């Protein structure tokens, strides 16, 4: 016997926001697809711990899927697929659409840099017969999280003759790794009485790399000499070559499933490769878009997007101007009519630290991709704030394509804040909103995401392009 709904219940169904059940709305087939997609994402993460590595792997993937290097003297037609690489730290992929460029393009833009410990220009020293490296932390970190964990050394050293060598050591179990030491609890009375931000000084993030002398003589800095000799024999590096190197210490962890149910992924660098990889694969799988689809993987977001490989550079704008000119259109006309998904993460609600969040406006694990209308901090400073019209357009797109999604802010008002590249795109007069994956333990050496949310990000970028 059916029970007729009351008028109040009917009205609630009509007027109240729908309570999305997240993963409960998905079929078993969809969950399997998500797991398979994330298996390949894990492979990408293990290989792409720095922005240079992410560009290298993305370029290889693009070439294998029919993308050709951009030629400014060539005329491109619908369906053509090209790539541009900027200083080995940015990559742009474009699939030309059916509509002329004056109708605008569709951008998805993610960053591929992550917090880490960069080596200083003169990093190597010996103290108390231990060889150490001085570092300068990159991006926003909790410094205490980087002590007493295994670290790997990644990067490139450029030589005066124009050649260079890639360095990558510490990830494999058969390789040595490195670490920042910490003070034992028995002697840490003063240290533990400090606030978390003061307990570890930035100048104390020194990496332990060796302890054996070169020989049995009593020469000074014999341990340092031994390390330099090892580096010279393996890489051809002398001490002065550190001046023209980009070397970083990153967590040596490999990607792992989290939970008995294997529903989550624990890894270094989810922010923001968890959006970069889905955006990359959406570009790879876009064949015949209505509008030209452009994916950009950019650098320097964690330090303000400055520099010639950051989003504040003219790299994207110059490309748009060139392809527009080839079609007899002004670059600003293309940008004026363009739309963008700033592919960046948000902080997932963490019940252990519930006081930092406002539950009605937080994103949650397993609830799908998250739209972040604005970021910034106190009083919305440092944000672009997507328009009501554009928010409505993206909501409609997600619903029409059966994509799990949610909205979220970055914590409580006056609780802190953060920013993304969205504002720099908006400054070019492009409609833009942040869309990405909710992350637990963001900016920690080990971050956690849901496999379902990663897959929904991929589906969202595909829908946006098609």
Protein backbone atom coordinates (compact mmCIF):
# COMPACT_ATOMS: atom_id res chain seq x y z
CA UNK A 1 0.00 0.00 0.00
CA UNK A 2 1.57 3.30 -1.11
CA UNK A 3 1.63 6.24 1.25
CA UNK A 4 0.85 9.56 -0.39
CA UNK A 5 3.44 12.26 0.19
CA UNK A 6 2.41 15.29 2.19
CA UNK A 7 2.37 18.72 0.61
CA UNK A 8 5.42 19.62 2.67
CA UNK A 9 7.35 16.60 1.38
CA UNK A 10 6.44 17.43 -2.20
CA UNK A 11 7.52 21.03 -1.73
CA UNK A 12 10.81 19.96 -0.17
CA UNK A 13 11.54 17.77 -3.19
CA UNK A 14 10.94 20.76 -5.42
CA UNK A 15 12.75 23.46 -3.47
CA UNK A 16 15.47 21.88 -1.33
CA UNK A 17 18.91 21.17 -2.73
CA UNK A 18 19.22 17.49 -3.55
CA UNK A 19 21.30 15.53 -1.04
CA UNK A 20 23.74 13.79 -3.33
CA UNK A 21 24.53 10.26 -2.16
CA UNK A 22 27.90 10.35 -3.87
CA UNK A 23 29.35 6.92 -4.53
CA UNK A 24 25.99 5.31 -3.68
CA UNK A 25 24.66 6.71 -6.97
CA UNK A 26 27.22 4.81 -9.03
CA UNK A 27 26.94 1.44 -10.69
CA UNK A 28 29.48 -1.28 -10.05
CA UNK A 29 30.67 -0.85 -13.64
CA UNK A 30 31.41 2.84 -13.03
CA UNK A 31 33.36 2.03 -9.87
CA UNK A 32 35.46 -0.52 -11.78
CA UNK A 33 36.22 2.11 -14.43
CA UNK A 34 37.32 4.51 -11.71
CA UNK A 35 39.67 1.92 -10.21
CA UNK A 36 41.18 1.15 -13.61
CA UNK A 37 41.68 4.82 -14.41
CA UNK A 38 43.39 5.38 -11.06
CA UNK A 39 45.74 2.45 -11.63
CA UNK A 40 47.17 4.35 -14.58
CA UNK A 41 47.16 7.57 -12.58
CA UNK A 42 49.29 5.85 -9.93
CA UNK A 43 51.82 4.89 -12.61
CA UNK A 44 51.96 8.53 -13.72
CA UNK A 45 52.45 9.78 -10.15
CA UNK A 46 55.31 7.39 -9.45
CA UNK A 47 57.18 8.75 -12.47
CA UNK A 48 56.22 12.45 -12.26
CA UNK A 49 57.31 13.83 -8.91
CA UNK A 50 58.61 17.08 -10.38
CA UNK A 51 57.26 19.40 -13.05
CA UNK A 52 60.03 18.44 -15.50
CA UNK A 53 59.16 14.76 -15.09
CA UNK A 54 55.45 15.48 -15.52
CA UNK A 55 56.13 17.34 -18.77
CA UNK A 56 58.38 14.55 -20.03
CA UNK A 57 55.75 11.87 -19.43
CA UNK A 58 52.91 14.04 -20.77
CA UNK A 59 54.89 14.77 -23.93
CA UNK A 60 55.61 11.08 -24.48
CA UNK A 61 51.91 10.27 -24.03
CA UNK A 62 50.88 13.05 -26.40
CA UNK A 63 53.26 11.92 -29.15
CA UNK A 64 52.03 8.34 -28.81
CA UNK A 65 48.50 9.62 -29.40
CA UNK A 66 49.03 11.64 -32.53
CA UNK A 67 49.99 15.07 -31.20
CA UNK A 68 52.59 16.90 -33.30
CA UNK A 69 54.85 19.79 -32.36
CA UNK A 70 53.26 23.17 -33.05
CA UNK A 71 54.48 24.84 -36.24
CA UNK A 72 53.64 28.55 -36.37
CA UNK A 73 53.91 28.47 -40.17
CA UNK A 74 51.32 25.75 -40.61
CA UNK A 75 47.57 26.20 -41.00
CA UNK A 76 45.55 23.93 -38.73
CA UNK A 77 42.10 22.45 -39.27
CA UNK A 78 39.46 20.84 -37.08
CA UNK A 79 40.76 17.66 -35.49
CA UNK A 80 44.45 18.58 -35.73
CA UNK A 81 46.38 17.87 -32.53
CA UNK A 82 49.46 19.83 -31.49
CA UNK A 83 51.71 20.38 -28.48
CA UNK A 84 54.04 23.14 -27.25
CA UNK A 85 56.66 22.76 -24.52
CA UNK A 86 57.99 25.75 -22.62
CA UNK A 87 61.43 25.32 -21.01
CA UNK A 88 60.67 21.69 -20.14
CA UNK A 89 58.35 22.82 -17.32
CA UNK A 90 55.11 23.67 -19.15
CA UNK A 91 53.25 21.75 -21.81
CA UNK A 92 50.26 22.87 -23.87
CA UNK A 93 48.10 20.42 -25.82
CA UNK A 94 45.52 21.65 -28.31
CA UNK A 95 42.90 19.85 -30.37
CA UNK A 96 41.44 22.20 -32.95
CA UNK A 97 37.65 22.43 -32.98
CA UNK A 98 34.94 22.77 -35.58
CA UNK A 99 34.06 26.33 -34.60
CA UNK A 100 36.32 29.20 -35.68
CA UNK A 101 38.63 30.59 -33.01
CA UNK A 102 36.68 33.84 -32.81
CA UNK A 103 34.00 31.78 -31.02
CA UNK A 104 36.51 31.13 -28.23
CA UNK A 105 38.35 28.07 -26.94
CA UNK A 106 37.94 25.74 -23.97
CA UNK A 107 40.84 25.72 -21.51
CA UNK A 108 41.61 23.23 -18.79
CA UNK A 109 44.66 24.37 -16.82
CA UNK A 110 46.37 22.49 -13.99
CA UNK A 111 49.69 22.92 -12.23
CA UNK A 112 52.32 20.21 -11.98
CA UNK A 113 54.60 21.62 -9.27
CA UNK A 114 54.22 20.45 -5.66
CA UNK A 115 55.73 21.45 -2.29
CA UNK A 116 59.23 20.09 -1.80
CA UNK A 117 62.73 20.86 -0.48
CA UNK A 118 64.87 22.56 -3.12
CA UNK A 119 68.64 22.39 -2.78
CA UNK A 120 70.33 25.75 -2.28
CA UNK A 121 72.83 26.94 -4.93
CA UNK A 122 75.72 26.02 -2.59
CA UNK A 123 74.16 23.08 -0.74
CA UNK A 124 76.92 20.63 0.19
CA UNK A 125 78.80 20.86 3.48
CA UNK A 126 80.37 18.67 6.14
CA UNK A 127 79.73 18.99 9.87
CA UNK A 128 80.83 16.61 12.63
CA UNK A 129 81.96 14.19 9.90
CA UNK A 130 78.49 14.04 8.37
CA UNK A 131 77.79 15.20 4.80
CA UNK A 132 74.69 17.38 4.53
CA UNK A 133 72.73 19.38 1.97
CA UNK A 134 71.21 22.79 2.68
CA UNK A 135 67.67 23.27 1.37
CA UNK A 136 65.14 26.02 0.83
CA UNK A 137 61.57 24.75 1.06
CA UNK A 138 59.33 25.34 -1.96
CA UNK A 139 55.65 26.17 -1.43
CA UNK A 140 53.54 26.01 1.68
CA UNK A 141 54.63 23.18 3.97
CA UNK A 142 54.42 22.20 7.62
CA UNK A 143 58.16 21.90 8.16
CA UNK A 144 57.92 19.25 10.89
CA UNK A 145 56.27 16.85 8.40
CA UNK A 146 59.49 16.72 6.37
CA UNK A 147 61.73 15.41 9.14
CA UNK A 148 62.51 11.72 9.66
CA UNK A 149 60.93 10.51 6.41
CA UNK A 150 62.72 8.90 3.43
CA UNK A 151 63.53 11.41 0.70
CA UNK A 152 64.61 11.01 -2.93
CA UNK A 153 66.72 13.41 -4.97
CA UNK A 154 65.23 14.48 -8.30
CA UNK A 155 66.30 17.08 -10.84
CA UNK A 156 68.73 18.20 -13.49
CA UNK A 157 72.25 19.59 -13.52
CA UNK A 158 73.29 21.81 -16.44
CA UNK A 159 76.94 22.12 -17.41
CA UNK A 160 78.80 25.06 -18.92
CA UNK A 161 79.27 23.23 -22.22
CA UNK A 162 75.50 23.14 -22.76
CA UNK A 163 74.98 19.51 -21.79
CA UNK A 164 72.99 18.36 -18.79
CA UNK A 165 72.40 15.27 -16.68
CA UNK A 166 69.24 14.01 -15.02
CA UNK A 167 69.46 12.96 -11.38
CA UNK A 168 66.91 10.63 -9.82
CA UNK A 169 67.89 8.51 -6.84
CA UNK A 170 66.07 7.25 -3.77
CA UNK A 171 62.72 5.97 -5.05
CA UNK A 172 63.64 2.35 -5.64
CA UNK A 173 64.13 -0.01 -2.69
CA UNK A 174 67.54 -0.95 -4.08
CA UNK A 175 68.73 2.68 -4.03
CA UNK A 176 69.92 4.77 -1.10
CA UNK A 177 67.54 7.42 0.18
CA UNK A 178 68.08 10.51 2.32
CA UNK A 179 66.43 12.24 5.28
CA UNK A 180 66.16 15.32 7.44
CA UNK A 181 66.98 14.31 11.02
CA UNK A 182 64.89 15.27 14.06
CA UNK A 183 65.62 15.69 17.76
CA UNK A 184 64.86 12.76 20.05
CA UNK A 185 61.96 13.31 22.50
CA UNK A 186 64.27 12.91 25.50
CA UNK A 187 66.11 16.11 24.57
CA UNK A 188 63.28 18.02 22.90
CA UNK A 189 61.81 19.82 25.91
CA UNK A 190 62.49 23.23 24.40
CA UNK A 191 61.50 22.16 20.88
CA UNK A 192 58.10 20.73 21.81
CA UNK A 193 57.23 23.84 23.83
CA UNK A 194 57.28 25.90 20.63
CA UNK A 195 54.38 26.37 18.24
CA UNK A 196 54.29 23.99 15.28
CA UNK A 197 55.44 26.72 12.90
CA UNK A 198 58.51 27.43 15.06
CA UNK A 199 59.47 23.93 16.19
CA UNK A 200 61.52 23.32 13.03
CA UNK A 201 63.37 26.25 11.46
CA UNK A 202 63.66 26.42 7.70
CA UNK A 203 67.44 26.58 8.02
CA UNK A 204 67.34 23.28 9.93
CA UNK A 205 65.85 21.31 7.04
CA UNK A 206 69.27 19.90 6.25
CA UNK A 207 69.42 16.58 4.43
CA UNK A 208 71.74 13.81 5.60
CA UNK A 209 73.54 12.25 2.62
CA UNK A 210 76.69 10.49 3.89
CA UNK A 211 79.08 9.67 6.73
CA UNK A 212 82.12 7.80 5.37
CA UNK A 213 85.41 9.58 4.59
CA UNK A 214 87.15 9.33 1.23
CA UNK A 215 90.20 7.68 2.83
CA UNK A 216 91.93 7.29 6.18
CA UNK A 217 93.93 10.51 6.00
CA UNK A 218 93.16 13.34 8.39
CA UNK A 219 92.32 15.80 5.64
CA UNK A 220 89.49 18.21 6.42
CA UNK A 221 86.08 17.59 4.80
CA UNK A 222 86.96 14.05 3.83
CA UNK A 223 83.30 12.92 4.01
CA UNK A 224 82.26 15.77 1.73
CA UNK A 225 85.06 14.75 -0.65
CA UNK A 226 83.76 11.18 -0.71
CA UNK A 227 80.26 12.36 -1.64
CA UNK A 228 81.59 14.63 -4.38
CA UNK A 229 83.67 11.78 -5.74
CA UNK A 230 80.57 9.54 -5.87
CA UNK A 231 78.59 12.27 -7.65
CA UNK A 232 81.43 12.92 -10.10
CA UNK A 233 81.83 9.26 -10.99
CA UNK A 234 78.10 8.74 -11.53
CA UNK A 235 76.98 12.09 -12.96
CA UNK A 236 80.12 14.08 -13.79
CA UNK A 237 79.16 16.70 -11.19
CA UNK A 238 81.66 18.94 -9.40
CA UNK A 239 80.77 21.23 -6.49
CA UNK A 240 80.50 24.34 -8.67
CA UNK A 241 77.91 22.61 -10.90
CA UNK A 242 75.33 22.91 -8.13
CA UNK A 243 75.11 26.59 -9.15
CA UNK A 244 73.45 25.58 -12.42
CA UNK A 245 71.27 22.80 -11.08
CA UNK A 246 67.60 22.34 -10.25
CA UNK A 247 67.62 19.62 -7.62
CA UNK A 248 64.91 18.84 -5.09
CA UNK A 249 64.26 16.44 -2.28
CA UNK A 250 60.85 14.81 -2.60
CA UNK A 251 59.24 12.02 -0.55
CA UNK A 252 60.54 8.61 -1.56
CA UNK A 253 57.10 7.03 -1.03
CA UNK A 254 55.55 5.14 -3.89
CA UNK A 255 51.82 5.44 -4.53
CA UNK A 256 49.75 3.18 -2.29
CA UNK A 257 46.08 2.25 -1.99
CA UNK A 258 44.58 3.51 1.26
CA UNK A 259 42.00 1.55 3.25
CA UNK A 260 40.99 -2.09 3.48
CA UNK A 261 38.59 -1.39 0.62
CA UNK A 262 41.35 0.21 -1.50
CA UNK A 263 39.00 3.13 -2.17
CA UNK A 264 41.59 5.88 -1.79
CA UNK A 265 45.08 6.71 -3.03
CA UNK A 266 47.91 7.89 -0.79
CA UNK A 267 50.75 9.68 -2.56
CA UNK A 268 53.04 12.67 -2.74
CA UNK A 269 52.01 15.33 -5.26
CA UNK A 270 48.24 14.88 -5.61
CA UNK A 271 48.15 18.69 -5.47
CA UNK A 272 47.87 19.21 -8.35
CA UNK A 273 48.75 16.19 -10.47
CA UNK A 274 45.44 14.66 -9.40
CA UNK A 275 43.86 17.26 -11.69
CA UNK A 276 46.71 17.45 -14.21
CA UNK A 277 46.50 13.77 -15.12
CA UNK A 278 42.71 13.73 -15.74
CA UNK A 279 43.05 16.96 -17.76
CA UNK A 280 45.89 15.40 -19.77
CA UNK A 281 43.90 12.24 -20.48
CA UNK A 282 40.82 14.28 -21.42
CA UNK A 283 42.98 16.07 -24.01
CA UNK A 284 44.35 12.75 -25.27
CA UNK A 285 40.85 11.32 -25.67
CA UNK A 286 39.30 14.41 -27.28
CA UNK A 287 38.93 13.69 -31.00
CA UNK A 288 36.57 16.18 -32.65
CA UNK A 289 35.57 18.97 -30.26
CA UNK A 290 33.09 21.70 -31.13
CA UNK A 291 35.47 24.35 -29.81
CA UNK A 292 39.26 24.17 -29.82
CA UNK A 293 40.25 22.31 -26.64
CA UNK A 294 43.45 23.44 -24.91
CA UNK A 295 45.04 21.77 -21.89
CA UNK A 296 47.91 23.54 -20.15
CA UNK A 297 50.05 21.99 -17.45
CA UNK A 298 51.88 24.82 -15.75
CA UNK A 299 54.58 25.43 -13.15
CA UNK A 300 55.19 27.69 -10.12
CA UNK A 301 51.61 27.73 -8.78
CA UNK A 302 52.83 26.81 -5.30
CA UNK A 303 55.00 29.94 -5.17
CA UNK A 304 52.63 32.47 -6.74
CA UNK A 305 52.74 31.57 -10.47
CA UNK A 306 55.57 34.04 -11.17
CA UNK A 307 58.39 33.48 -13.65
CA UNK A 308 58.51 32.47 -17.29
CA UNK A 309 57.08 29.02 -16.55
CA UNK A 310 54.31 30.21 -14.22
CA UNK A 311 50.77 31.15 -15.19
CA UNK A 312 51.61 34.86 -15.00
CA UNK A 313 53.97 34.45 -17.95
CA UNK A 314 52.87 35.28 -21.49
CA UNK A 315 53.28 31.69 -22.72
CA UNK A 316 49.56 30.98 -23.14
CA UNK A 317 48.71 34.45 -24.42
CA UNK A 318 51.43 34.34 -27.07
CA UNK A 319 50.15 30.98 -28.31
CA UNK A 320 46.58 32.27 -28.54
CA UNK A 321 47.75 35.36 -30.42
CA UNK A 322 49.62 33.23 -32.95
CA UNK A 323 46.84 30.75 -33.72
CA UNK A 324 44.33 33.63 -33.83
CA UNK A 325 46.45 35.59 -36.29
CA UNK A 326 46.63 32.51 -38.52
CA UNK A 327 42.82 32.66 -38.78
CA UNK A 328 42.72 36.43 -39.21
CA UNK A 329 41.35 37.01 -35.70
CA UNK A 330 42.60 39.14 -32.82
CA UNK A 331 43.91 37.17 -29.86
CA UNK A 332 41.82 39.19 -27.41
CA UNK A 333 38.68 38.25 -29.37
CA UNK A 334 39.48 34.58 -28.82
CA UNK A 335 40.06 35.12 -25.10
CA UNK A 336 36.94 37.27 -24.66
CA UNK A 337 34.81 34.36 -25.85
CA UNK A 338 36.72 31.57 -24.11
CA UNK A 339 35.87 29.49 -21.07
CA UNK A 340 38.17 27.76 -18.60
CA UNK A 341 38.19 25.11 -15.93
CA UNK A 342 40.99 25.92 -13.53
CA UNK A 343 41.81 22.33 -12.64
CA UNK A 344 42.84 22.55 -9.02
CA UNK A 345 42.14 20.74 -5.78
CA UNK A 346 40.18 21.73 -2.69
CA UNK A 347 40.49 20.64 0.93
CA UNK A 348 38.26 17.65 1.72
CA UNK A 349 36.35 17.80 5.00
CA UNK A 350 38.34 15.99 7.68
CA UNK A 351 36.24 14.90 10.70
CA UNK A 352 39.34 14.83 12.88
CA UNK A 353 39.78 18.57 12.30
CA UNK A 354 36.13 19.48 11.81
CA UNK A 355 36.59 22.83 13.53
CA UNK A 356 38.59 24.16 10.57
CA UNK A 357 35.67 23.65 8.15
CA UNK A 358 32.13 24.92 7.66
CA UNK A 359 30.25 21.71 6.93
CA UNK A 360 27.57 23.18 4.63
CA UNK A 361 30.23 24.59 2.32
CA UNK A 362 32.91 21.92 2.38
CA UNK A 363 33.82 19.21 -0.13
CA UNK A 364 33.82 15.56 0.87
CA UNK A 365 35.65 12.42 -0.18
CA UNK A 366 33.59 10.19 -2.55
CA UNK A 367 31.10 12.96 -3.39
CA UNK A 368 32.65 13.68 -6.77
CA UNK A 369 34.52 16.54 -8.36
CA UNK A 370 34.30 19.85 -6.47
CA UNK A 371 33.49 23.28 -7.91
CA UNK A 372 35.13 26.10 -5.99
CA UNK A 373 33.45 29.39 -6.90
CA UNK A 374 36.17 31.43 -5.23
CA UNK A 375 39.29 30.88 -3.16
CA UNK A 376 41.37 33.66 -1.62
CA UNK A 377 41.38 34.60 2.05
CA UNK A 378 39.67 36.96 4.52
CA UNK A 379 37.27 39.11 2.51
CA UNK A 380 37.85 37.10 -0.70
CA UNK A 381 41.24 38.72 -1.28
CA UNK A 382 43.28 37.17 -4.09
CA UNK A 383 40.45 35.43 -5.96
CA UNK A 384 38.49 35.80 -9.19
CA UNK A 385 35.01 34.62 -7.99
CA UNK A 386 33.19 32.92 -10.88
CA UNK A 387 30.02 34.58 -12.17
CA UNK A 388 26.54 33.24 -11.44
CA UNK A 389 26.00 32.62 -15.16
CA UNK A 390 29.15 30.57 -15.55
CA UNK A 391 28.41 28.57 -12.41
CA UNK A 392 24.99 27.72 -13.83
CA UNK A 393 26.56 26.63 -17.12
CA UNK A 394 29.02 24.29 -15.41
CA UNK A 395 26.31 22.86 -13.11
CA UNK A 396 24.21 22.08 -16.17
CA UNK A 397 27.13 20.42 -17.98
CA UNK A 398 27.93 18.17 -15.01
CA UNK A 399 24.31 17.12 -14.48
CA UNK A 400 23.71 16.41 -18.17
CA UNK A 401 26.71 14.10 -18.26
CA UNK A 402 25.89 12.18 -15.08
CA UNK A 403 28.99 13.41 -13.25
CA UNK A 404 29.09 13.35 -9.46
CA UNK A 405 29.90 16.84 -8.26
CA UNK A 406 29.74 19.08 -5.22
CA UNK A 407 30.64 22.63 -4.27
CA UNK A 408 33.06 23.68 -1.59
CA UNK A 409 35.02 26.49 0.02
CA UNK A 410 38.55 26.28 1.41
CA UNK A 411 37.71 26.13 5.12
CA UNK A 412 36.04 28.63 7.41
CA UNK A 413 35.92 32.34 6.76
CA UNK A 414 38.91 33.91 8.56
CA UNK A 415 40.35 30.42 9.04
CA UNK A 416 43.07 30.94 6.45
CA UNK A 417 42.76 30.54 2.72
CA UNK A 418 44.59 29.86 -0.48
CA UNK A 419 44.63 30.66 -4.17
CA UNK A 420 44.83 29.06 -7.60
CA UNK A 421 45.69 30.12 -11.13
CA UNK A 422 42.03 31.00 -11.82
CA UNK A 423 42.53 34.71 -11.13
CA UNK A 424 45.31 35.00 -13.71
CA UNK A 425 43.10 33.45 -16.37
CA UNK A 426 40.18 35.67 -15.33
CA UNK A 427 42.43 38.71 -15.73
CA UNK A 428 42.57 37.85 -19.46
CA UNK A 429 38.77 38.31 -19.59
CA UNK A 430 38.07 34.57 -19.68
CA UNK A 431 35.18 32.96 -17.79
CA UNK A 432 36.80 30.61 -15.26
CA UNK A 433 35.99 28.52 -12.22
CA UNK A 434 38.02 26.05 -10.16
CA UNK A 435 37.04 22.41 -10.62
CA UNK A 436 39.07 19.62 -9.12
CA UNK A 437 39.46 16.81 -6.61
CA UNK A 438 38.99 17.07 -2.81
CA UNK A 439 42.18 16.17 -0.95
CA UNK A 440 42.85 15.05 2.63
CA UNK A 441 46.18 16.14 4.21
CA UNK A 442 46.83 18.63 1.42
CA UNK A 443 50.48 19.77 1.13
CA UNK A 444 51.66 16.96 3.38
CA UNK A 445 54.31 14.54 2.06
CA UNK A 446 51.49 11.96 1.82
CA UNK A 447 48.13 13.25 0.54
CA UNK A 448 44.92 11.22 0.16
CA UNK A 449 42.21 11.29 -2.52
CA UNK A 450 39.25 9.13 -3.52
CA UNK A 451 39.47 7.07 -6.69
CA UNK A 452 35.87 7.98 -7.50
CA UNK A 453 36.62 11.70 -7.31
CA UNK A 454 39.67 11.38 -9.58
CA UNK A 455 37.61 9.59 -12.22
CA UNK A 456 34.83 12.17 -11.98
CA UNK A 457 37.39 14.90 -12.63
CA UNK A 458 38.40 13.09 -15.83
CA UNK A 459 34.76 12.78 -16.92
CA UNK A 460 34.21 16.48 -16.20
CA UNK A 461 37.13 17.59 -18.38
CA UNK A 462 35.99 15.27 -21.17
CA UNK A 463 32.47 16.71 -21.03
CA UNK A 464 33.85 20.26 -21.00
CA UNK A 465 35.89 19.63 -24.15
CA UNK A 466 33.21 17.72 -26.06
